[in-house]
Protein backbone atom coordinates (compact mmCIF):
# COMPACT_ATOMS: atom_id res chain seq x y z
CA MET A 1 -18.87 -37.15 16.62
CA LYS A 2 -15.77 -39.33 16.87
CA LYS A 3 -14.26 -36.81 19.29
CA LEU A 4 -17.39 -37.04 21.47
CA ILE A 5 -17.17 -40.83 21.68
CA ARG A 6 -13.48 -40.75 22.50
CA GLY A 7 -14.16 -38.02 25.04
CA ILE A 8 -16.71 -40.16 26.87
CA VAL A 9 -14.16 -42.94 27.18
CA GLU A 10 -11.57 -40.47 28.43
CA PHE A 11 -14.06 -39.07 30.95
CA ARG A 12 -14.78 -42.57 32.28
CA GLN A 13 -11.10 -43.31 32.62
CA THR A 14 -9.80 -40.03 34.05
CA LEU A 15 -12.53 -37.74 35.43
CA ARG A 16 -15.46 -39.95 36.40
CA PRO A 17 -13.82 -41.19 39.64
CA GLU A 18 -13.20 -37.57 40.67
CA TYR A 19 -16.77 -36.46 39.90
CA ALA A 20 -18.64 -39.60 40.99
CA GLU A 21 -19.52 -38.27 44.45
CA LYS A 22 -20.60 -34.86 43.10
CA PHE A 23 -22.91 -36.45 40.51
CA ALA A 24 -24.33 -38.76 43.16
CA ARG A 25 -25.36 -35.66 45.15
CA LEU A 26 -26.67 -33.90 42.05
CA ALA A 27 -28.85 -36.91 41.28
CA LEU A 28 -30.90 -35.91 44.33
CA GLY A 29 -31.59 -32.43 42.93
CA GLN A 30 -30.07 -29.24 41.57
CA SER A 31 -29.71 -25.82 43.18
CA PRO A 32 -27.90 -23.48 40.77
CA ASP A 33 -27.95 -19.80 41.71
CA THR A 34 -27.52 -18.50 38.15
CA LEU A 35 -29.48 -18.75 34.92
CA PHE A 36 -26.93 -18.37 32.12
CA ILE A 37 -28.27 -17.36 28.70
CA ALA A 38 -25.72 -17.81 25.92
CA CYS A 39 -25.42 -18.33 22.20
CA SER A 40 -25.37 -21.80 20.67
CA ASP A 41 -22.03 -20.97 19.04
CA SER A 42 -19.64 -23.90 19.53
CA ARG A 43 -16.81 -21.51 20.48
CA VAL A 44 -18.64 -20.17 23.54
CA VAL A 45 -18.10 -22.53 26.49
CA PRO A 46 -19.37 -20.95 29.75
CA ASN A 47 -18.24 -23.82 31.96
CA LEU A 48 -14.70 -23.32 30.66
CA PHE A 49 -14.27 -19.54 30.86
CA ALA A 50 -16.24 -19.26 34.12
CA SER A 51 -14.59 -22.33 35.68
CA THR A 52 -17.93 -23.75 36.82
CA ASP A 53 -18.79 -27.28 37.90
CA PRO A 54 -21.82 -29.44 37.14
CA GLY A 55 -24.80 -28.06 39.04
CA ASP A 56 -23.58 -24.43 39.08
CA LEU A 57 -25.44 -23.07 36.05
CA PHE A 58 -28.93 -23.49 34.63
CA VAL A 59 -28.37 -22.79 30.94
CA ILE A 60 -30.40 -21.57 27.97
CA ARG A 61 -28.56 -21.53 24.64
CA ASN A 62 -29.89 -20.44 21.28
CA MET A 63 -28.74 -18.66 18.15
CA GLY A 64 -27.85 -15.10 19.17
CA ASN A 65 -28.64 -15.48 22.91
CA LEU A 66 -32.07 -14.01 22.14
CA ILE A 67 -35.08 -13.80 24.46
CA SER A 68 -38.59 -13.56 23.05
CA PRO A 69 -40.32 -10.82 25.09
CA CYS A 70 -43.65 -11.27 26.82
CA GLY A 71 -46.72 -9.33 25.81
CA ALA A 72 -48.91 -7.27 28.14
CA ASP A 73 -50.59 -10.52 29.20
CA GLY A 74 -47.28 -11.89 30.53
CA VAL A 75 -47.13 -14.63 27.88
CA SER A 76 -44.08 -15.05 25.67
CA ARG A 77 -44.52 -13.94 22.08
CA GLY A 78 -42.07 -16.57 20.89
CA ASP A 79 -40.40 -19.76 22.01
CA VAL A 80 -42.46 -21.36 24.79
CA SER A 81 -39.59 -23.72 25.64
CA GLU A 82 -37.34 -20.76 26.41
CA ALA A 83 -40.07 -19.04 28.44
CA ALA A 84 -40.69 -22.24 30.41
CA ALA A 85 -37.00 -22.46 31.29
CA ILE A 86 -37.00 -18.85 32.54
CA GLU A 87 -40.10 -19.47 34.66
CA PHE A 88 -38.69 -22.70 36.06
CA ALA A 89 -35.37 -21.08 36.95
CA ALA A 90 -37.05 -18.12 38.64
CA GLN A 91 -39.93 -19.83 40.42
CA THR A 92 -38.71 -23.37 41.12
CA LEU A 93 -34.93 -23.23 41.29
CA GLY A 94 -34.85 -19.88 43.08
CA ILE A 95 -31.97 -18.42 41.08
CA THR A 96 -30.61 -15.08 42.30
CA SER A 97 -28.81 -13.99 39.12
CA ILE A 98 -29.40 -14.08 35.37
CA VAL A 99 -26.49 -13.57 32.99
CA VAL A 100 -27.06 -12.72 29.34
CA CYS A 101 -23.78 -13.47 27.58
CA GLY A 102 -23.14 -12.36 24.01
CA HIS A 103 -19.90 -12.84 22.12
CA SER A 104 -17.72 -11.54 19.32
CA GLU A 105 -18.02 -12.81 15.75
CA CYS A 106 -21.59 -13.99 16.35
CA GLY A 107 -23.21 -15.48 13.27
CA ALA A 108 -26.67 -14.32 14.31
CA MET A 109 -25.48 -10.72 14.63
CA LYS A 110 -23.80 -10.92 11.20
CA GLU A 111 -27.11 -12.11 9.75
CA LEU A 112 -28.95 -9.20 11.35
CA ILE A 113 -26.40 -6.68 10.05
CA GLY A 114 -26.81 -8.18 6.58
CA GLY A 115 -30.60 -8.05 6.71
CA VAL A 116 -31.08 -11.85 7.01
CA PRO A 117 -31.32 -12.42 3.22
CA HIS A 118 -32.12 -16.13 3.46
CA PRO A 119 -35.67 -16.95 2.30
CA GLU A 120 -34.60 -20.59 2.16
CA MET A 121 -34.30 -20.49 5.98
CA PRO A 122 -37.69 -19.20 7.17
CA MET A 123 -37.19 -20.43 10.72
CA LEU A 124 -33.97 -18.44 11.00
CA GLN A 125 -35.71 -15.32 9.69
CA THR A 126 -38.52 -15.73 12.22
CA TRP A 127 -36.19 -16.33 15.16
CA LEU A 128 -34.00 -13.34 14.38
CA LEU A 129 -37.00 -11.02 14.62
CA ASN A 130 -36.14 -11.01 18.33
CA GLY A 131 -32.88 -9.27 17.41
CA TYR A 132 -34.23 -6.38 15.35
CA PRO A 133 -34.81 -4.15 18.41
CA SER A 134 -31.08 -4.58 19.10
CA VAL A 135 -30.23 -3.11 15.70
CA ALA A 136 -32.21 0.02 16.58
CA ARG A 137 -30.57 0.12 20.01
CA MET A 138 -27.07 -0.09 18.54
CA GLU A 139 -27.73 3.02 16.48
CA ASN A 140 -28.72 5.01 19.58
CA GLU A 141 -26.16 3.85 22.16
CA GLY A 142 -23.32 6.32 22.62
CA TRP A 143 -21.18 4.09 24.83
CA ILE A 144 -20.46 1.41 22.23
CA ASP A 145 -16.84 1.34 21.07
CA SER A 146 -16.85 2.64 17.49
CA ALA A 147 -13.63 0.73 16.81
CA LEU A 148 -15.52 -2.56 16.99
CA ALA A 149 -16.81 -4.16 13.81
CA PRO A 150 -20.54 -3.49 13.23
CA HIS A 151 -21.59 -7.04 14.10
CA ASN A 152 -19.64 -6.86 17.37
CA ARG A 153 -21.19 -3.50 18.26
CA LEU A 154 -24.57 -5.09 17.59
CA SER A 155 -23.66 -8.09 19.75
CA GLN A 156 -22.99 -5.80 22.71
CA ALA A 157 -26.18 -3.79 22.18
CA ASN A 158 -28.05 -7.07 21.85
CA VAL A 159 -26.98 -8.17 25.34
CA LEU A 160 -28.65 -5.11 26.86
CA GLN A 161 -31.76 -5.44 24.70
CA GLN A 162 -32.27 -9.06 25.72
CA MET A 163 -31.96 -8.01 29.36
CA GLU A 164 -34.87 -5.64 28.70
CA HIS A 165 -36.82 -8.51 27.17
CA LEU A 166 -36.22 -10.53 30.34
CA LYS A 167 -37.84 -7.76 32.37
CA THR A 168 -41.12 -8.36 30.52
CA TYR A 169 -41.45 -11.74 32.30
CA PRO A 170 -43.70 -11.43 35.37
CA ALA A 171 -41.60 -13.85 37.43
CA VAL A 172 -38.43 -11.88 36.67
CA ARG A 173 -40.05 -8.53 37.43
CA LYS A 174 -41.43 -9.80 40.72
CA LEU A 175 -38.09 -11.10 41.97
CA MET A 176 -36.29 -7.95 40.87
CA ALA A 177 -38.84 -5.78 42.68
CA GLU A 178 -38.24 -7.86 45.81
CA GLU A 179 -34.46 -7.43 45.33
CA LYS A 180 -34.04 -11.18 45.11
CA LEU A 181 -32.75 -11.25 41.54
CA THR A 182 -30.12 -9.29 39.60
CA LEU A 183 -29.48 -9.19 35.85
CA HIS A 184 -25.98 -9.12 34.38
CA GLY A 185 -24.77 -8.42 30.86
CA TRP A 186 -21.58 -10.17 29.76
CA TRP A 187 -19.69 -10.31 26.47
CA PHE A 188 -17.08 -12.91 25.53
CA ASP A 189 -14.36 -11.84 23.12
CA ILE A 190 -13.40 -15.05 21.37
CA GLY A 191 -10.20 -13.66 19.84
CA CYS A 192 -8.58 -12.80 23.18
CA ALA A 193 -10.55 -15.24 25.40
CA GLU A 194 -11.63 -12.43 27.74
CA VAL A 195 -15.01 -11.86 29.40
CA PHE A 196 -16.43 -8.35 29.80
CA ALA A 197 -19.25 -7.13 32.08
CA PHE A 198 -21.52 -4.20 31.31
CA GLU A 199 -21.12 -1.27 33.68
CA GLU A 200 -23.58 1.61 33.46
CA GLY A 201 -21.86 4.67 32.04
CA GLN A 202 -18.73 2.74 31.05
CA GLY A 203 -19.81 0.08 28.61
CA PHE A 204 -18.31 -3.40 28.71
CA VAL A 205 -15.43 -3.67 31.18
CA ARG A 206 -12.95 -6.54 31.24
CA ILE A 207 -13.59 -8.84 34.21
CA ASP A 208 -10.15 -8.73 35.76
CA GLU A 209 -9.43 -8.96 39.49
CA ALA A 210 -10.57 -5.36 40.16
CA GLU A 211 -13.81 -5.63 38.19
CA ALA A 212 -14.55 -9.02 39.74
CA ALA A 213 -14.16 -7.48 43.21
CA ARG A 214 -16.64 -4.71 42.30
CA ILE A 215 -19.20 -7.21 41.06
CA LEU A 216 -18.78 -9.40 44.13
CA ARG A 217 -19.28 -6.40 46.45
CA ARG A 218 -22.54 -5.53 44.68
CA LEU A 219 -23.72 -9.12 44.97
CA ASP A 220 -22.93 -9.12 48.69
CA ASP A 221 -24.85 -5.86 49.12
CA THR A 222 -27.84 -7.24 47.23
CA HIS A 223 -28.02 -10.87 48.26
CA GLY A 224 -25.91 -10.99 51.41
């Protein structure tokens, strides 16, 4: 907490003059093009590793970057707050991309691998139910690097499973059918500070200059 207070003072003294005009514009409204779904883990800082500014990302963060799927009626089976944010991003903000970003050494994935043996934390047990389909997926995905630790293999499988959960949302399905929205699976390796993108048939590929160019070409082809 002390670091936060000192950081606010530092922001006022060093960065606020630089950002004052940008925040004045943002006060009139936001228009991010990306919904970014990430873990609550304090080591995962999207604005840092993606070099984004205020107003660029609409963000959902929770333990394990999990998405409660919708039922056949199109209503979320879990966290209504999360579902409301997805609807708002898709229908009001007009986002054109959703990124689900997992990461290495994820505490939620370690809990799932261990069977979540914590009866003293019933809310945690309930929330992590959204991750059990990922455990089954990990066991059936041939592309996952066997050299990774089990919790990291699960973290990568979980990214893809949560993307499937997103497709159960009517607003997401509609925009995807109209080719107005694309889904992206990313994975942040904390140990080497590298971001990887899922490529069909290849697994997670490091986002270097060549991979970035491929992604940008696809975005141009889809969204213009």
